[in-house]
Amino acid sequence: MDTEPGLAEAAELFKVLGNASRLTILRIIGDDSSTVGALVAATGMSQPLVSQHLRTLRHAGLVTASRSGKEIGYRLADLHVAHVIADAVTHAQEPTLSDDPDIHLDTPLTRE
């Protein structure tokens, strides 16, 4: 099946983003560079788990790492990622058609 260029890559991106813990880490480092220790403190996850998620995010090209002395700081590789996450969170919090008692899902929607 031929697909539009970039769709397969976008699907892989959504697979990586399909984990709440990784989204949490990305939201935290979207504001500023963070170390593993700071991410452990902020998320309550174990250090090995944070490191595993960071490895996955780095392999996906979503996070970069830079060393400063003994510490490694992690930050978003691309601000587009922050926008995708923010839009997804906003979308998830929007009311759905099924939340509106005046809309009947078995009745076709028409424009007035």
N, C-alpha and C. Protein backbone atom coordinates (compact mmCIF):
# COMPACT_ATOMS: atom_id res chain seq x y z
N MET A 1 0.84 -1.17 0.00
CA MET A 1 0.00 0.00 0.00
C MET A 1 0.89 1.24 0.00
N ASP A 2 0.70 2.11 -0.95
CA ASP A 2 1.43 3.37 -1.00
C ASP A 2 0.73 4.37 -0.08
N THR A 3 1.53 5.05 0.71
CA THR A 3 0.97 6.05 1.59
C THR A 3 1.64 7.38 1.33
N GLU A 4 1.02 8.40 1.82
CA GLU A 4 1.56 9.74 1.72
C GLU A 4 2.93 9.79 2.40
N PRO A 5 3.90 10.46 1.81
CA PRO A 5 5.21 10.55 2.44
C PRO A 5 5.11 11.13 3.85
N GLY A 6 5.79 10.50 4.78
CA GLY A 6 5.81 10.98 6.15
C GLY A 6 4.79 10.31 7.06
N LEU A 7 3.80 9.62 6.52
CA LEU A 7 2.78 9.01 7.36
C LEU A 7 3.35 7.88 8.22
N ALA A 8 4.20 7.06 7.65
CA ALA A 8 4.80 5.97 8.42
C ALA A 8 5.64 6.52 9.56
N GLU A 9 6.39 7.57 9.27
CA GLU A 9 7.22 8.20 10.30
C GLU A 9 6.35 8.84 11.38
N ALA A 10 5.24 9.44 10.98
CA ALA A 10 4.31 10.04 11.94
C ALA A 10 3.70 8.96 12.82
N ALA A 11 3.37 7.81 12.23
CA ALA A 11 2.82 6.71 13.01
C ALA A 11 3.82 6.23 14.06
N GLU A 12 5.09 6.16 13.69
CA GLU A 12 6.13 5.77 14.65
C GLU A 12 6.24 6.81 15.77
N LEU A 13 6.14 8.08 15.41
CA LEU A 13 6.17 9.15 16.40
C LEU A 13 5.03 8.99 17.40
N PHE A 14 3.83 8.71 16.90
CA PHE A 14 2.68 8.55 17.79
C PHE A 14 2.82 7.31 18.67
N LYS A 15 3.49 6.27 18.18
CA LYS A 15 3.75 5.11 19.03
C LYS A 15 4.60 5.50 20.23
N VAL A 16 5.64 6.29 19.99
CA VAL A 16 6.51 6.74 21.08
C VAL A 16 5.74 7.67 22.01
N LEU A 17 4.91 8.53 21.46
CA LEU A 17 4.15 9.48 22.27
C LEU A 17 2.96 8.82 22.97
N GLY A 18 2.67 7.57 22.64
CA GLY A 18 1.52 6.87 23.20
C GLY A 18 1.75 6.31 24.59
N ASN A 19 2.56 6.96 25.38
CA ASN A 19 2.86 6.52 26.73
C ASN A 19 2.80 7.73 27.65
N ALA A 20 1.94 7.67 28.66
CA ALA A 20 1.74 8.82 29.54
C ALA A 20 3.01 9.23 30.27
N SER A 21 3.83 8.27 30.64
CA SER A 21 5.08 8.61 31.34
C SER A 21 6.02 9.40 30.44
N ARG A 22 6.12 8.98 29.18
CA ARG A 22 6.99 9.71 28.24
C ARG A 22 6.42 11.10 27.97
N LEU A 23 5.10 11.21 27.86
CA LEU A 23 4.49 12.53 27.67
C LEU A 23 4.78 13.44 28.86
N THR A 24 4.73 12.88 30.05
CA THR A 24 5.03 13.66 31.25
C THR A 24 6.46 14.17 31.20
N ILE A 25 7.39 13.30 30.87
CA ILE A 25 8.79 13.71 30.76
C ILE A 25 8.94 14.80 29.71
N LEU A 26 8.31 14.64 28.57
CA LEU A 26 8.42 15.64 27.50
C LEU A 26 7.83 16.97 27.94
N ARG A 27 6.73 16.95 28.67
CA ARG A 27 6.14 18.20 29.16
C ARG A 27 7.10 18.91 30.12
N ILE A 28 7.76 18.14 30.97
CA ILE A 28 8.68 18.73 31.93
C ILE A 28 9.89 19.34 31.22
N ILE A 29 10.48 18.60 30.30
CA ILE A 29 11.67 19.14 29.65
C ILE A 29 11.33 20.12 28.53
N GLY A 30 10.04 20.24 28.24
CA GLY A 30 9.62 21.25 27.27
C GLY A 30 9.83 22.65 27.80
N ASP A 31 9.81 22.78 29.12
CA ASP A 31 10.00 24.09 29.74
C ASP A 31 11.48 24.45 29.86
N ASP A 32 12.31 23.45 30.18
CA ASP A 32 13.73 23.72 30.38
C ASP A 32 14.46 22.38 30.43
N SER A 33 15.74 22.42 30.18
CA SER A 33 16.58 21.23 30.25
C SER A 33 16.51 20.64 31.66
N SER A 34 16.48 19.31 31.75
CA SER A 34 16.41 18.63 33.05
C SER A 34 17.37 17.46 33.09
N THR A 35 17.85 17.16 34.26
CA THR A 35 18.69 15.98 34.48
C THR A 35 17.80 14.80 34.83
N VAL A 36 18.39 13.61 34.80
CA VAL A 36 17.65 12.41 35.19
C VAL A 36 17.17 12.56 36.63
N GLY A 37 18.04 13.05 37.51
CA GLY A 37 17.67 13.22 38.92
C GLY A 37 16.48 14.15 39.09
N ALA A 38 16.48 15.26 38.34
CA ALA A 38 15.36 16.20 38.42
C ALA A 38 14.09 15.57 37.89
N LEU A 39 14.20 14.76 36.84
CA LEU A 39 13.03 14.09 36.28
C LEU A 39 12.49 13.03 37.24
N VAL A 40 13.38 12.32 37.92
CA VAL A 40 12.96 11.35 38.93
C VAL A 40 12.17 12.06 40.02
N ALA A 41 12.70 13.18 40.50
CA ALA A 41 12.03 13.94 41.56
C ALA A 41 10.68 14.48 41.09
N ALA A 42 10.62 14.96 39.87
CA ALA A 42 9.39 15.58 39.36
C ALA A 42 8.30 14.57 39.04
N THR A 43 8.70 13.37 38.62
CA THR A 43 7.72 12.38 38.17
C THR A 43 7.41 11.31 39.21
N GLY A 44 8.33 11.08 40.14
CA GLY A 44 8.14 9.99 41.09
C GLY A 44 8.48 8.63 40.51
N MET A 45 8.96 8.59 39.28
CA MET A 45 9.38 7.33 38.66
C MET A 45 10.78 6.97 39.16
N SER A 46 11.12 5.72 39.03
CA SER A 46 12.46 5.29 39.42
C SER A 46 13.49 5.80 38.41
N GLN A 47 14.73 5.89 38.84
CA GLN A 47 15.80 6.35 37.95
C GLN A 47 15.96 5.43 36.73
N PRO A 48 15.94 4.09 36.91
CA PRO A 48 16.06 3.24 35.72
C PRO A 48 14.91 3.44 34.72
N LEU A 49 13.70 3.66 35.24
CA LEU A 49 12.56 3.86 34.35
C LEU A 49 12.67 5.18 33.59
N VAL A 50 13.06 6.24 34.28
CA VAL A 50 13.25 7.53 33.61
C VAL A 50 14.32 7.40 32.54
N SER A 51 15.42 6.73 32.87
CA SER A 51 16.51 6.55 31.90
C SER A 51 16.05 5.75 30.69
N GLN A 52 15.23 4.73 30.93
CA GLN A 52 14.71 3.93 29.81
C GLN A 52 13.83 4.78 28.90
N HIS A 53 12.96 5.58 29.49
CA HIS A 53 12.10 6.44 28.68
C HIS A 53 12.93 7.46 27.91
N LEU A 54 13.93 8.03 28.55
CA LEU A 54 14.80 9.00 27.86
C LEU A 54 15.52 8.34 26.70
N ARG A 55 15.96 7.10 26.87
CA ARG A 55 16.62 6.39 25.78
C ARG A 55 15.67 6.22 24.59
N THR A 56 14.44 5.84 24.89
CA THR A 56 13.43 5.70 23.82
C THR A 56 13.19 7.04 23.13
N LEU A 57 13.08 8.10 23.90
CA LEU A 57 12.84 9.43 23.33
C LEU A 57 14.03 9.92 22.51
N ARG A 58 15.23 9.60 22.96
CA ARG A 58 16.42 9.98 22.19
C ARG A 58 16.48 9.22 20.87
N HIS A 59 16.21 7.91 20.90
CA HIS A 59 16.24 7.10 19.67
C HIS A 59 15.19 7.58 18.67
N ALA A 60 14.10 8.13 19.17
CA ALA A 60 13.04 8.65 18.30
C ALA A 60 13.37 10.06 17.81
N GLY A 61 14.45 10.63 18.31
CA GLY A 61 14.83 11.98 17.89
C GLY A 61 14.03 13.09 18.54
N LEU A 62 13.36 12.78 19.64
CA LEU A 62 12.52 13.77 20.30
C LEU A 62 13.27 14.54 21.39
N VAL A 63 14.35 13.96 21.88
CA VAL A 63 15.11 14.53 22.99
C VAL A 63 16.59 14.54 22.63
N THR A 64 17.29 15.58 23.04
CA THR A 64 18.74 15.62 22.90
C THR A 64 19.35 15.70 24.30
N ALA A 65 20.61 15.31 24.37
CA ALA A 65 21.31 15.32 25.65
C ALA A 65 22.59 16.13 25.49
N SER A 66 22.93 16.89 26.53
CA SER A 66 24.20 17.63 26.53
C SER A 66 24.82 17.53 27.91
N ARG A 67 26.12 17.28 27.91
CA ARG A 67 26.85 17.10 29.15
C ARG A 67 27.37 18.43 29.66
N SER A 68 27.24 18.61 30.97
CA SER A 68 27.81 19.77 31.65
C SER A 68 28.48 19.24 32.91
N GLY A 69 29.79 19.04 32.84
CA GLY A 69 30.49 18.41 33.95
C GLY A 69 30.08 16.96 34.06
N LYS A 70 29.61 16.57 35.24
CA LYS A 70 29.18 15.18 35.45
C LYS A 70 27.71 14.96 35.09
N GLU A 71 26.96 16.04 34.91
CA GLU A 71 25.53 15.92 34.66
C GLU A 71 25.21 15.98 33.17
N ILE A 72 24.16 15.29 32.82
CA ILE A 72 23.65 15.33 31.45
C ILE A 72 22.26 15.97 31.51
N GLY A 73 22.09 17.01 30.71
CA GLY A 73 20.79 17.68 30.63
C GLY A 73 20.05 17.22 29.40
N TYR A 74 18.76 16.98 29.55
CA TYR A 74 17.91 16.54 28.44
C TYR A 74 16.94 17.65 28.11
N ARG A 75 16.76 17.86 26.82
CA ARG A 75 15.81 18.89 26.37
C ARG A 75 15.15 18.41 25.09
N LEU A 76 14.06 19.08 24.73
CA LEU A 76 13.36 18.73 23.48
C LEU A 76 14.26 19.01 22.30
N ALA A 77 14.25 18.11 21.35
CA ALA A 77 15.03 18.29 20.13
C ALA A 77 14.35 19.26 19.19
N ASP A 78 13.03 19.40 19.33
CA ASP A 78 12.26 20.18 18.38
C ASP A 78 11.01 20.72 19.09
N LEU A 79 10.76 22.00 18.99
CA LEU A 79 9.60 22.58 19.66
C LEU A 79 8.27 22.12 19.05
N HIS A 80 8.30 21.54 17.84
CA HIS A 80 7.07 21.01 17.27
C HIS A 80 6.48 19.93 18.18
N VAL A 81 7.35 19.19 18.84
CA VAL A 81 6.89 18.13 19.73
C VAL A 81 6.05 18.72 20.87
N ALA A 82 6.49 19.81 21.44
CA ALA A 82 5.74 20.46 22.52
C ALA A 82 4.36 20.89 22.02
N HIS A 83 4.29 21.36 20.78
CA HIS A 83 3.01 21.79 20.22
C HIS A 83 2.08 20.60 19.98
N VAL A 84 2.63 19.49 19.49
CA VAL A 84 1.82 18.29 19.26
C VAL A 84 1.23 17.81 20.58
N ILE A 85 2.06 17.78 21.62
CA ILE A 85 1.59 17.32 22.93
C ILE A 85 0.55 18.27 23.49
N ALA A 86 0.80 19.56 23.43
CA ALA A 86 -0.15 20.54 23.94
C ALA A 86 -1.49 20.44 23.21
N ASP A 87 -1.44 20.29 21.88
CA ASP A 87 -2.68 20.15 21.11
C ASP A 87 -3.42 18.87 21.48
N ALA A 88 -2.68 17.78 21.69
CA ALA A 88 -3.31 16.51 22.05
C ALA A 88 -3.98 16.61 23.42
N VAL A 89 -3.33 17.24 24.37
CA VAL A 89 -3.90 17.40 25.71
C VAL A 89 -5.15 18.28 25.63
N THR A 90 -5.08 19.37 24.89
CA THR A 90 -6.24 20.24 24.72
C THR A 90 -7.40 19.47 24.09
N HIS A 91 -7.09 18.71 23.04
CA HIS A 91 -8.13 17.93 22.37
C HIS A 91 -8.76 16.91 23.32
N ALA A 92 -7.93 16.26 24.13
CA ALA A 92 -8.43 15.25 25.06
C ALA A 92 -9.35 15.84 26.12
N GLN A 93 -9.17 17.12 26.41
CA GLN A 93 -9.98 17.77 27.45
C GLN A 93 -11.24 18.42 26.89
N GLU A 94 -11.39 18.47 25.58
CA GLU A 94 -12.58 19.07 24.98
C GLU A 94 -13.77 18.14 25.15
N PRO A 95 -14.94 18.72 25.34
CA PRO A 95 -16.13 17.86 25.43
C PRO A 95 -16.38 17.19 24.08
N THR A 96 -16.91 16.00 24.13
CA THR A 96 -17.22 15.27 22.91
C THR A 96 -18.70 15.42 22.60
N LEU A 97 -19.07 15.02 21.40
CA LEU A 97 -20.49 15.08 21.02
C LEU A 97 -21.34 14.25 21.97
N SER A 98 -20.81 13.13 22.46
CA SER A 98 -21.60 12.28 23.35
C SER A 98 -21.81 12.92 24.72
N ASP A 99 -21.05 13.98 25.06
CA ASP A 99 -21.22 14.69 26.33
C ASP A 99 -22.37 15.69 26.27
N ASP A 100 -22.85 16.01 25.09
CA ASP A 100 -23.90 17.01 24.93
C ASP A 100 -25.26 16.30 24.90
N PRO A 101 -26.10 16.51 25.93
CA PRO A 101 -27.39 15.82 25.98
C PRO A 101 -28.36 16.23 24.87
N ASP A 102 -28.10 17.37 24.22
CA ASP A 102 -28.99 17.83 23.16
C ASP A 102 -28.65 17.21 21.81
N ILE A 103 -27.52 16.50 21.74
CA ILE A 103 -27.14 15.85 20.48
C ILE A 103 -27.38 14.36 20.61
N HIS A 104 -28.13 13.84 19.67
CA HIS A 104 -28.42 12.41 19.65
C HIS A 104 -27.55 11.78 18.58
N LEU A 105 -26.69 10.84 19.00
CA LEU A 105 -25.73 10.28 18.08
C LEU A 105 -26.37 9.41 17.00
N ASP A 106 -27.61 8.99 17.20
CA ASP A 106 -28.27 8.20 16.18
C ASP A 106 -29.00 9.07 15.15
N THR A 107 -28.94 10.39 15.34
CA THR A 107 -29.56 11.33 14.42
C THR A 107 -28.46 12.05 13.64
N PRO A 108 -28.59 12.10 12.31
CA PRO A 108 -27.56 12.80 11.52
C PRO A 108 -27.45 14.28 11.92
N LEU A 109 -26.24 14.77 11.97
CA LEU A 109 -26.03 16.19 12.27
C LEU A 109 -26.31 17.01 11.03
N THR A 110 -27.02 18.09 11.19
CA THR A 110 -27.29 18.98 10.07
C THR A 110 -26.89 20.40 10.45
N ARG A 111 -26.56 21.18 9.47
CA ARG A 111 -26.22 22.57 9.70
C ARG A 111 -27.49 23.40 9.69
N GLU A 112 -27.53 24.35 10.59
CA GLU A 112 -28.72 25.21 10.64
C GLU A 112 -28.44 26.52 9.99
